Amino acid sequence: MIASPKPCNCNCEEFITKPIRYDCYEIIDDKLAYIQTERVDERIRLFCRDCGKELENAEFLIS
């Protein structure tokens, strides 16, 4: 059974991830051009959108 996340003490119910994907751009012929997307191999981390507190066991809460 997967536990449901509990809101932070600040009562915010929105959570954001630490960036795990980056889009890379390069200036080519004086224009900004998309090159590729890179991924960071890290565990998933969630943070309260209001106070920034990290939610414990985030990798088990995301389906």
Protein backbone atom coordinates (compact mmCIF):
# COMPACT_ATOMS: atom_id res chain seq x y z
CA MET A 1 0.00 0.00 0.00
CA ILE A 2 1.32 3.44 -0.95
CA ALA A 3 1.02 6.13 1.68
CA SER A 4 -0.59 9.38 0.64
CA PRO A 5 1.45 12.54 1.04
CA LYS A 6 0.68 14.72 4.02
CA PRO A 7 0.53 18.47 3.51
CA CYS A 8 3.29 20.55 5.04
CA ASN A 9 2.77 22.45 8.25
CA CYS A 10 2.11 25.46 6.02
CA ASN A 11 -0.98 23.60 4.64
CA CYS A 12 0.14 23.93 1.03
CA GLU A 13 -1.08 21.06 -1.14
CA GLU A 14 1.17 21.71 -4.16
CA PHE A 15 4.57 20.09 -4.59
CA ILE A 16 7.28 20.65 -7.18
CA THR A 17 10.15 18.43 -8.31
CA LYS A 18 13.82 19.17 -8.35
CA PRO A 19 14.71 19.56 -12.03
CA ILE A 20 15.70 16.20 -13.51
CA ARG A 21 15.61 17.30 -17.15
CA TYR A 22 17.38 20.11 -18.91
CA ASP A 23 16.82 21.42 -22.43
CA CYS A 24 20.08 22.56 -24.05
CA TYR A 25 20.20 25.44 -26.51
CA GLU A 26 23.04 26.93 -28.52
CA ILE A 27 23.43 30.11 -30.52
CA ILE A 28 23.81 29.16 -34.18
CA ASP A 29 23.86 31.83 -36.90
CA ASP A 30 22.81 34.46 -34.33
CA LYS A 31 19.68 32.44 -33.38
CA LEU A 32 18.95 30.38 -30.30
CA ALA A 33 18.52 26.76 -31.43
CA TYR A 34 17.36 23.72 -29.45
CA ILE A 35 20.10 21.07 -29.36
CA GLN A 36 18.98 18.24 -27.06
CA THR A 37 17.38 17.29 -23.77
CA GLU A 38 19.59 15.91 -21.01
CA ARG A 39 18.41 13.97 -17.98
CA VAL A 40 20.00 13.84 -14.56
CA ASP A 41 20.07 10.39 -12.99
CA GLU A 42 18.94 11.14 -9.47
CA ARG A 43 16.17 9.97 -7.25
CA ILE A 44 12.89 11.87 -7.46
CA ARG A 45 12.60 14.67 -4.94
CA LEU A 46 9.45 16.70 -4.18
CA PHE A 47 9.34 20.03 -2.38
CA CYS A 48 6.47 22.06 -0.96
CA ARG A 49 5.72 24.88 -3.39
CA ASP A 50 5.19 27.42 -0.58
CA CYS A 51 7.77 26.69 2.13
CA GLY A 52 10.27 24.50 0.24
CA LYS A 53 10.22 21.61 2.73
CA GLU A 54 11.18 18.28 1.11
CA LEU A 55 8.51 15.59 1.10
CA GLU A 56 9.83 12.30 2.48
CA ASN A 57 9.75 9.13 0.31
CA ALA A 58 8.68 11.02 -2.81
CA GLU A 59 9.83 8.26 -5.15
CA PHE A 60 7.21 5.95 -3.60
CA LEU A 61 4.40 8.52 -3.77
CA ILE A 62 4.61 9.25 -7.50
CA SER A 63 2.94 6.80 -9.83
